[in-house]
C-alpha atoms as a PDB file:
ATOM      1  CA  MET A   1      -0.191   0.083  -0.062  1.00  0.00           C
ATOM      2  CA  ARG A   2       1.315   3.708  -0.913  1.00  0.00           C
ATOM      3  CA  SER A   3       1.887   5.990   2.056  1.00  0.00           C
ATOM      4  CA  SER A   4       0.693   9.680   1.613  1.00  0.00           C
ATOM      5  CA  SER A   5       3.610  10.485   3.629  1.00  0.00           C
ATOM      6  CA  ALA A   6       5.754   9.545   1.314  1.00  0.00           C
ATOM      7  CA  CYS A   7       7.976  11.567  -0.626  1.00  0.00           C
ATOM      8  CA  ALA A   8       5.617  10.864  -3.744  1.00  0.00           C
ATOM      9  CA  SER A   9       6.254  14.736  -5.196  1.00  0.00           C
ATOM     10  CA  ALA A  10       6.329  18.069  -3.947  1.00  0.00           C
ATOM     11  CA  ILE A  11       2.382  17.809  -3.986  1.00  0.00           C
ATOM     12  CA  PHE A  12       2.509  14.994  -1.129  1.00  0.00           C
ATOM     13  CA  HIS A  13       5.515  14.540   1.189  1.00  0.00           C
ATOM     14  CA  PRO A  14       4.804  16.211   4.339  1.00  0.00           C
ATOM     15  CA  CYS A  15       7.090  19.096   5.130  1.00  0.00           C
ATOM     16  CA  ALA A  16       8.963  18.487   7.947  1.00  0.00           C
ATOM     17  CA  GLY A  17       7.467  20.911  10.770  1.00  0.00           C
ATOM     18  CA  ASP A  18       5.013  21.754   9.131  1.00  0.00           C
ATOM     19  CA  HIS A  19       6.321  25.688   9.127  1.00  0.00           C
ATOM     20  CA  LEU A  20       6.977  26.372   5.437  1.00  0.00           C
ATOM     21  CA  PRO A  21       4.934  29.549   4.153  1.00  0.00           C
ATOM     22  CA  SER A  22       1.380  28.107   3.016  1.00  0.00           C
ATOM     23  CA  GLN A  23       0.328  29.768   0.276  1.00  0.00           C
ATOM     24  CA  VAL A  24       1.792  30.030  -3.480  1.00  0.00           C
ATOM     25  CA  ALA A  25       0.621  31.455  -6.850  1.00  0.00           C
ATOM     26  CA  CYS A  26       3.964  31.709  -8.605  1.00  0.00           C
ATOM     27  CA  GLY A  27       3.312  32.844 -12.284  1.00  0.00           C
ATOM     28  CA  PRO A  28       5.330  35.476 -14.557  1.00  0.00           C
ATOM     29  CA  THR A  29       4.625  38.120 -12.092  1.00  0.00           C
ATOM     30  CA  LEU A  30       3.828  37.068  -8.618  1.00  0.00           C
ATOM     31  CA  CYS A  31       4.613  34.434  -5.769  1.00  0.00           C
ATOM     32  CA  SER A  32       1.466  34.485  -2.593  1.00  0.00           C
ATOM     33  CA  LEU A  33       2.853  32.978   0.417  1.00  0.00           C
ATOM     34  CA  ASP A  34       1.169  32.829   3.724  1.00  0.00           C
ATOM     35  CA  SER A  35       2.871  35.414   6.330  1.00  0.00           C
ATOM     36  CA  ASP A  36       3.986  32.431   8.759  1.00  0.00           C
ATOM     37  CA  SER A  37       5.542  33.495  11.595  1.00  0.00           C
ATOM     38  CA  THR A  38       7.079  29.987  13.011  1.00  0.00           C
ATOM     39  CA  GLY A  39      10.361  31.073  11.635  1.00  0.00           C
ATOM     40  CA  CYS A  40      10.954  29.514   8.210  1.00  0.00           C
ATOM     41  CA  ALA A  41       8.450  31.916   6.227  1.00  0.00           C
ATOM     42  CA  PRO A  42      10.978  33.810   3.737  1.00  0.00           C
ATOM     43  CA  SER A  43      11.793  37.494   4.875  1.00  0.00           C
ATOM     44  CA  SER A  44       8.948  39.683   5.411  1.00  0.00           C
ATOM     45  CA  GLU A  45      10.410  42.745   4.192  1.00  0.00           C
ATOM     46  CA  ARG A  46       8.765  44.958   1.505  1.00  0.00           C
ATOM     47  CA  VAL A  47       5.275  42.350   1.965  1.00  0.00           C
ATOM     48  CA  ARG A  48       2.105  43.375   1.898  1.00  0.00           C
ATOM     49  CA  THR A  49      -0.717  41.700   3.071  1.00  0.00           C
ATOM     50  CA  SER A  50      -3.934  40.834   0.956  1.00  0.00           C
ATOM     51  CA  LYS A  51      -6.975  38.427   1.879  1.00  0.00           C
ATOM     52  CA  GLY A  52      -5.022  36.979   4.797  1.00  0.00           C
ATOM     53  CA  PHE A  53      -1.895  36.053   2.643  1.00  0.00           C
ATOM     54  CA  ALA A  54       1.521  38.262   2.231  1.00  0.00           C
ATOM     55  CA  MET A  55       2.133  38.839  -1.192  1.00  0.00           C
ATOM     56  CA  LEU A  56       5.674  38.470  -2.446  1.00  0.00           C
ATOM     57  CA  ASP A  57       6.643  39.479  -6.230  1.00  0.00           C
ATOM     58  CA  HIS A  58       8.614  37.481  -8.643  1.00  0.00           C
ATOM     59  CA  ALA A  59      11.840  39.139  -7.321  1.00  0.00           C
ATOM     60  CA  GLU A  60      11.618  37.294  -4.002  1.00  0.00           C
ATOM     61  CA  CYS A  61      11.636  33.942  -5.708  1.00  0.00           C
ATOM     62  CA  GLU A  62      13.684  34.756  -7.770  1.00  0.00           C
ATOM     63  CA  ARG A  63      16.147  35.561  -4.985  1.00  0.00           C
ATOM     64  CA  ALA A  64      15.177  32.590  -3.314  1.00  0.00           C
ATOM     65  CA  ARG A  65      16.355  30.516  -6.816  1.00  0.00           C
ATOM     66  CA  VAL A  66      19.353  32.288  -6.937  1.00  0.00           C
ATOM     67  CA  GLY A  67      20.288  31.697  -3.154  1.00  0.00           C
ATOM     68  CA  ARG A  68      19.074  28.417  -3.306  1.00  0.00           C
ATOM     69  CA  ASN A  69      17.137  28.990   0.259  1.00  0.00           C
ATOM     70  CA  PRO A  70      16.058  25.581   1.168  1.00  0.00           C
ATOM     71  CA  VAL A  71      13.467  27.475   3.045  1.00  0.00           C
ATOM     72  CA  TYR A  72      11.540  27.288  -0.089  1.00  0.00           C
ATOM     73  CA  ASP A  73      12.199  23.651  -1.163  1.00  0.00           C
ATOM     74  CA  GLY A  74       8.575  22.355  -2.331  1.00  0.00           C
ATOM     75  CA  VAL A  75       7.095  25.360  -2.122  1.00  0.00           C
ATOM     76  CA  PHE A  76       7.467  26.125  -5.979  1.00  0.00           C
ATOM     77  CA  PHE A  77       9.614  25.298  -9.151  1.00  0.00           C
ATOM     78  CA  SER A  78      11.504  26.727 -11.611  1.00  0.00           C
ATOM     79  CA  GLY A  79      11.254  26.124 -15.001  1.00  0.00           C
ATOM     80  CA  VAL A  80      14.438  27.195 -17.285  1.00  0.00           C
ATOM     81  CA  ARG A  81      12.599  27.959 -21.447  1.00  0.00           C
ATOM     82  CA  THR A  82      15.767  27.808 -22.942  1.00  0.00           C
ATOM     83  CA  THR A  83      16.825  24.133 -21.247  1.00  0.00           C
ATOM     84  CA  GLY A  84      12.874  22.689 -21.156  1.00  0.00           C
ATOM     85  CA  ILE A  85      13.977  21.747 -17.153  1.00  0.00           C
ATOM     86  CA  TYR A  86      12.104  22.468 -14.315  1.00  0.00           C
ATOM     87  CA  CYS A  87      13.893  22.150 -10.771  1.00  0.00           C
ATOM     88  CA  ARG A  88      14.087  22.895  -6.889  1.00  0.00           C
ATOM     89  CA  PRO A  89      15.191  25.949  -5.770  1.00  0.00           C
ATOM     90  CA  VAL A  90      17.773  24.441  -4.109  1.00  0.00           C
ATOM     91  CA  CYS A  91      18.893  22.977  -7.348  1.00  0.00           C
ATOM     92  CA  PRO A  92      22.777  22.471  -7.310  1.00  0.00           C
ATOM     93  CA  VAL A  93      23.121  23.412 -11.062  1.00  0.00           C
ATOM     94  CA  ARG A  94      24.241  27.015 -11.944  1.00  0.00           C
ATOM     95  CA  PRO A  95      20.924  28.945 -12.031  1.00  0.00           C
ATOM     96  CA  ALA A  96      19.911  30.200 -15.560  1.00  0.00           C
ATOM     97  CA  LEU A  97      19.631  33.858 -16.336  1.00  0.00           C
ATOM     98  CA  ALA A  98      16.336  35.459 -14.800  1.00  0.00           C
ATOM     99  CA  ARG A  99      14.589  36.379 -18.135  1.00  0.00           C
ATOM    100  CA  ASN A 100      14.770  32.413 -19.523  1.00  0.00           C
ATOM    101  CA  VAL A 101      12.857  31.284 -16.095  1.00  0.00           C
ATOM    102  CA  GLN A 102       9.002  30.602 -15.013  1.00  0.00           C
ATOM    103  CA  PHE A 103       7.772  29.686 -11.596  1.00  0.00           C
ATOM    104  CA  PHE A 104       5.328  27.060 -10.969  1.00  0.00           C
ATOM    105  CA  PRO A 105       3.510  26.122  -7.758  1.00  0.00           C
ATOM    106  CA  SER A 106       3.781  22.670  -8.369  1.00  0.00           C
ATOM    107  CA  ALA A 107       6.080  19.734 -10.011  1.00  0.00           C
ATOM    108  CA  ALA A 108       2.515  18.525 -11.853  1.00  0.00           C
ATOM    109  CA  ALA A 109       1.993  22.469 -13.083  1.00  0.00           C
ATOM    110  CA  ALA A 110       5.798  22.425 -14.615  1.00  0.00           C
ATOM    111  CA  GLU A 111       4.874  18.940 -16.408  1.00  0.00           C
ATOM    112  CA  ALA A 112       2.124  20.695 -17.942  1.00  0.00           C
ATOM    113  CA  ALA A 113       3.668  23.491 -18.964  1.00  0.00           C
ATOM    114  CA  GLY A 114       6.275  20.970 -21.215  1.00  0.00           C
ATOM    115  CA  PHE A 115       9.293  20.847 -18.895  1.00  0.00           C
ATOM    116  CA  ARG A 116      10.838  17.872 -17.668  1.00  0.00           C
ATOM    117  CA  PRO A 117      12.326  16.909 -14.160  1.00  0.00           C
ATOM    118  CA  CYS A 118      16.226  17.776 -13.725  1.00  0.00           C
ATOM    119  CA  LEU A 119      18.046  14.718 -12.696  1.00  0.00           C
ATOM    120  CA  ARG A 120      20.254  16.258 -10.868  1.00  0.00           C
ATOM    121  CA  CYS A 121      17.811  18.168  -7.768  1.00  0.00           C
ATOM    122  CA  ARG A 122      15.323  15.401  -8.515  1.00  0.00           C
ATOM    123  CA  PRO A 123      12.080  17.477  -7.781  1.00  0.00           C
ATOM    124  CA  GLU A 124      10.142  14.204  -7.093  1.00  0.00           C
ATOM    125  CA  THR A 125      12.329  14.150  -3.771  1.00  0.00           C
ATOM    126  CA  ALA A 126      11.166  17.583  -2.800  1.00  0.00           C
ATOM    127  CA  PRO A 127       9.146  17.672   0.396  1.00  0.00           C
ATOM    128  CA  PHE A 128       5.802  18.475   0.808  1.00  0.00           C
ATOM    129  CA  CYS A 129       4.510  22.355   1.216  1.00  0.00           C
ATOM    130  CA  PRO A 130       1.211  22.984   0.798  1.00  0.00           C
ATOM    131  CA  ALA A 131       0.661  25.801  -1.500  1.00  0.00           C
ATOM    132  CA  TRP A 132      -2.743  25.952  -1.142  1.00  0.00           C
ATOM    133  CA  ARG A 133      -3.910  26.010   2.665  1.00  0.00           C
ATOM    134  CA  GLY A 134      -7.169  28.391   1.868  1.00  0.00           C
ATOM    135  CA  SER A 135      -8.590  24.827   0.453  1.00  0.00           C
ATOM    136  CA  ILE A 136      -6.877  22.343   2.510  1.00  0.00           C
ATOM    137  CA  THR A 137      -9.827  20.043   3.765  1.00  0.00           C
ATOM    138  CA  THR A 138     -11.264  19.431   0.452  1.00  0.00           C
ATOM    139  CA  ALA A 139      -7.817  19.956  -1.633  1.00  0.00           C
ATOM    140  CA  GLU A 140      -5.547  18.185   0.560  1.00  0.00           C
ATOM    141  CA  ARG A 141      -7.427  15.440   1.165  1.00  0.00           C
ATOM    142  CA  ALA A 142      -8.323  14.674  -2.514  1.00  0.00           C
ATOM    143  CA  ALA A 143      -4.070  15.452  -3.276  1.00  0.00           C
ATOM    144  CA  ARG A 144      -3.315  12.681  -0.619  1.00  0.00           C
ATOM    145  CA  LEU A 145      -6.281  10.297  -2.028  1.00  0.00           C
ATOM    146  CA  ILE A 146      -4.095  10.699  -5.326  1.00  0.00           C
ATOM    147  CA  ALA A 147      -0.927  10.295  -3.591  1.00  0.00           C
ATOM    148  CA  ASP A 148      -2.613   6.563  -2.216  1.00  0.00           C
ATOM    149  CA  GLY A 149      -3.167   5.883  -5.777  1.00  0.00           C
ATOM    150  CA  ALA A 150      -6.996   6.671  -5.774  1.00  0.00           C
ATOM    151  CA  LEU A 151      -6.516   7.636  -9.723  1.00  0.00           C
ATOM    152  CA  ASP A 152      -4.982   4.421 -10.823  1.00  0.00           C
ATOM    153  CA  GLY A 153      -7.673   1.796 -10.797  1.00  0.00           C
ATOM    154  CA  ASP A 154      -9.094   0.718 -13.648  1.00  0.00           C
ATOM    155  CA  ASP A 155     -12.244   1.656 -12.327  1.00  0.00           C
ATOM    156  CA  ALA A 156     -10.522   5.013 -10.835  1.00  0.00           C
ATOM    157  CA  SER A 157     -12.246   8.630 -12.170  1.00  0.00           C
ATOM    158  CA  VAL A 158     -12.046  11.803 -11.057  1.00  0.00           C
ATOM    159  CA  GLU A 159     -16.006  11.862 -10.425  1.00  0.00           C
ATOM    160  CA  ALA A 160     -15.292   9.636  -8.019  1.00  0.00           C
ATOM    161  CA  LEU A 161     -12.252  11.349  -6.591  1.00  0.00           C
ATOM    162  CA  ALA A 162     -14.736  14.213  -6.163  1.00  0.00           C
ATOM    163  CA  ALA A 163     -17.453  12.410  -4.500  1.00  0.00           C
ATOM    164  CA  ARG A 164     -15.011  10.886  -1.769  1.00  0.00           C
ATOM    165  CA  VAL A 165     -14.343  14.724  -0.874  1.00  0.00           C
ATOM    166  CA  GLY A 166     -17.840  15.660  -0.997  1.00  0.00           C
ATOM    167  CA  VAL A 167     -17.840  17.963  -4.088  1.00  0.00           C
ATOM    168  CA  GLY A 168     -18.635  18.105  -7.636  1.00  0.00           C
ATOM    169  CA  SER A 169     -15.553  16.695 -10.268  1.00  0.00           C
ATOM    170  CA  ARG A 170     -16.082  20.793 -12.328  1.00  0.00           C
ATOM    171  CA  HIS A 171     -15.124  22.322  -8.419  1.00  0.00           C
ATOM    172  CA  LEU A 172     -12.663  19.876  -7.795  1.00  0.00           C
ATOM    173  CA  ALA A 173     -10.840  20.406 -10.719  1.00  0.00           C
ATOM    174  CA  ARG A 174     -11.234  24.656 -10.207  1.00  0.00           C
ATOM    175  CA  LEU A 175      -9.641  24.023  -7.014  1.00  0.00           C
ATOM    176  CA  PHE A 176      -7.048  21.655  -8.596  1.00  0.00           C
ATOM    177  CA  ALA A 177      -6.341  24.551 -11.216  1.00  0.00           C
ATOM    178  CA  LYS A 178      -6.512  27.868  -9.154  1.00  0.00           C
ATOM    179  CA  HIS A 179      -3.854  25.949  -6.181  1.00  0.00           C
ATOM    180  CA  LEU A 180      -1.857  23.599  -7.945  1.00  0.00           C
ATOM    181  CA  GLY A 181      -2.204  24.580 -11.558  1.00  0.00           C
ATOM    182  CA  ALA A 182      -3.149  21.373 -13.061  1.00  0.00           C
ATOM    183  CA  SER A 183      -5.903  18.831 -12.971  1.00  0.00           C
ATOM    184  CA  PRO A 184      -6.358  16.194 -10.890  1.00  0.00           C
ATOM    185  CA  SER A 185      -5.398  14.056 -13.734  1.00  0.00           C
ATOM    186  CA  GLN A 186      -2.204  15.524 -14.371  1.00  0.00           C
ATOM    187  CA  VAL A 187      -1.480  16.060 -10.589  1.00  0.00           C
ATOM    188  CA  ALA A 188      -1.780  11.958 -10.688  1.00  0.00           C
ATOM    189  CA  LYS A 189       0.046  11.464 -13.834  1.00  0.00           C
ATOM    190  CA  THR A 190       3.324  13.328 -12.278  1.00  0.00           C
ATOM    191  CA  ALA A 191       2.335  11.052  -8.825  1.00  0.00           C
ATOM    192  CA  ARG A 192       2.698   8.439 -10.901  1.00  0.00           C
ATOM    193  CA  ILE A 193       6.138   8.957 -12.578  1.00  0.00           C
ATOM    194  CA  GLN A 194       7.761  10.264  -9.696  1.00  0.00           C
ATOM    195  CA  ARG A 195       7.119   7.134  -7.654  1.00  0.00           C
ATOM    196  CA  ALA A 196       8.431   5.050 -10.413  1.00  0.00           C
ATOM    197  CA  LYS A 197      11.726   7.274 -10.814  1.00  0.00           C
ATOM    198  CA  ARG A 198      12.485   6.762  -6.912  1.00  0.00           C
ATOM    199  CA  LEU A 199      12.075   2.906  -7.426  1.00  0.00           C
ATOM    200  CA  LEU A 200      14.274   3.263 -10.746  1.00  0.00           C
ATOM    201  CA  ASP A 201      16.974   5.505  -8.871  1.00  0.00           C
ATOM    202  CA  GLU A 202      16.593   3.659  -5.540  1.00  0.00           C
ATOM    203  CA  THR A 203      16.287  -0.177  -6.385  1.00  0.00           C
ATOM    204  CA  GLU A 204      16.732  -3.405  -8.642  1.00  0.00           C
ATOM    205  CA  LEU A 205      13.372  -3.807  -9.527  1.00  0.00           C
ATOM    206  CA  SER A 206      12.326  -4.911 -12.846  1.00  0.00           C
ATOM    207  CA  MET A 207      10.923  -2.636 -15.377  1.00  0.00           C
ATOM    208  CA  THR A 208       7.130  -4.401 -14.943  1.00  0.00           C
ATOM    209  CA  ASP A 209       7.514  -4.189 -11.168  1.00  0.00           C
ATOM    210  CA  ILE A 210       8.224  -0.724 -11.330  1.00  0.00           C
ATOM    211  CA  ALA A 211       5.250   0.113 -13.103  1.00  0.00           C
ATOM    212  CA  LEU A 212       2.942  -1.830 -11.500  1.00  0.00           C
ATOM    213  CA  ARG A 213       4.621  -0.599  -8.095  1.00  0.00           C
ATOM    214  CA  ALA A 214       4.138   3.309  -9.227  1.00  0.00           C
ATOM    215  CA  GLY A 215       0.258   2.386 -10.222  1.00  0.00           C
ATOM    216  CA  PHE A 216       0.495   2.029 -13.903  1.00  0.00           C
ATOM    217  CA  ARG A 217      -1.371  -0.375 -15.608  1.00  0.00           C
ATOM    218  CA  SER A 218       1.020  -1.347 -18.169  1.00  0.00           C
ATOM    219  CA  LEU A 219       4.495  -1.508 -18.803  1.00  0.00           C
ATOM    220  CA  ARG A 220       3.942  -0.393 -22.255  1.00  0.00           C
ATOM    221  CA  ARG A 221       2.011   2.935 -20.851  1.00  0.00           C
ATOM    222  CA  PHE A 222       4.890   3.298 -18.331  1.00  0.00           C
ATOM    223  CA  ASN A 223       7.665   3.966 -20.412  1.00  0.00           C
ATOM    224  CA  ASP A 224       5.657   5.755 -22.744  1.00  0.00           C
ATOM    225  CA  VAL A 225       4.624   8.523 -19.831  1.00  0.00           C
ATOM    226  CA  PHE A 226       8.532   8.199 -18.629  1.00  0.00           C
ATOM    227  CA  LEU A 227       9.690   9.134 -22.082  1.00  0.00           C
ATOM    228  CA  GLU A 228       7.247  11.910 -22.555  1.00  0.00           C
ATOM    229  CA  VAL A 229       8.657  13.543 -19.171  1.00  0.00           C
ATOM    230  CA  TYR A 230      12.132  12.640 -19.092  1.00  0.00           C
ATOM    231  CA  LYS A 231      12.737  12.957 -22.925  1.00  0.00           C
ATOM    232  CA  ARG A 232      14.442   9.297 -22.070  1.00  0.00           C
ATOM    233  CA  SER A 233      13.572   6.029 -21.705  1.00  0.00           C
ATOM    234  CA  PRO A 234      13.469   4.560 -17.884  1.00  0.00           C
ATOM    235  CA  THR A 235      16.544   2.243 -19.261  1.00  0.00           C
ATOM    236  CA  GLU A 236      18.195   4.772 -20.466  1.00  0.00           C
ATOM    237  CA  ILE A 237      18.311   6.725 -17.269  1.00  0.00           C
ATOM    238  CA  ARG A 238      19.367   3.395 -14.899  1.00  0.00           C
ATOM    239  CA  ARG A 239      21.878   2.696 -17.277  1.00  0.00           C
ATOM    240  CA  THR A 240      23.211   6.448 -16.136  1.00  0.00           C
ATOM    241  CA  ARG A 241      22.736   5.688 -12.592  1.00  0.00           C
ATOM    242  CA  ARG A 242      24.871   2.425 -13.061  1.00  0.00           C
ATOM    243  CA  SER A 243      27.111   4.473 -14.683  1.00  0.00           C
ATOM    244  CA  PRO A 244      30.799   5.146 -12.755  1.00  0.00           C
ATOM    245  CA  ARG A 245      30.923   8.540 -14.207  1.00  0.00           C
ATOM    246  CA  GLY A 246      27.683   9.278 -12.255  1.00  0.00           C
ATOM    247  CA  ARG A 247      26.796  12.685 -11.956  1.00  0.00           C
ATOM    248  CA  SER A 248      28.847  13.910 -14.963  1.00  0.00           C
ATOM    249  CA  ASP A 249      26.744  11.302 -16.867  1.00  0.00           C
ATOM    250  CA  ALA A 250      23.725  12.551 -15.613  1.00  0.00           C
ATOM    251  CA  GLU A 251      24.901  15.995 -16.507  1.00  0.00           C
ATOM    252  CA  ALA A 252      25.780  14.726 -20.160  1.00  0.00           C
ATOM    253  CA  LEU A 253      21.930  14.000 -20.227  1.00  0.00           C
ATOM    254  CA  TRP A 254      20.798  18.025 -20.912  1.00  0.00           C
END
């Protein structure tokens, strides 16, 4: 059985201490973060409050990215237009030029926009720092259910998931679009591929076993989705991991 507390994605993994900023909506011009006073929130200088949330401009997200600020890890992701790769704020790779960067509130949103995960900072291992506490009762419950495989079975559907959290499927889709920047189906797809990536990196399971454990209905579907997201086959990624050159081979893929 999958655990929603497992590091399923930046959307699902419980944030240690649960002290990080609790509202983020990063886009071309704005990041919105809850004004948490627990000591882990970002700097509050220049912050203006609106509807209970502290508003930080694009430059705040940019400073966190360039400074590799761990406080923001899991809070937002940055996509680099020139490479088509998205990263965590703590990525060790040399930061891209600001004009080439776009921010996203979730890994699923970055993938929906066509970006592929970085092999260096591994977005699938980012901590879970909810970006949408305002709708936690509904949105987080649905996300936790997705982490547990609620959209993976043959009979799974967004309608059934919505019914489990007491809302209509259209309303659930609106909540996900608003707070995660992706649909429930896209979030489920990202969760599956991230489970598979961790199994690929951390175990010696066969590709068939990885596909089934990650929630894919067939090996062919797993291979197709993995290639779509990473632009490399799972076999190639595993071969790179086993290479004695290690990190340099991972970098060479990009």
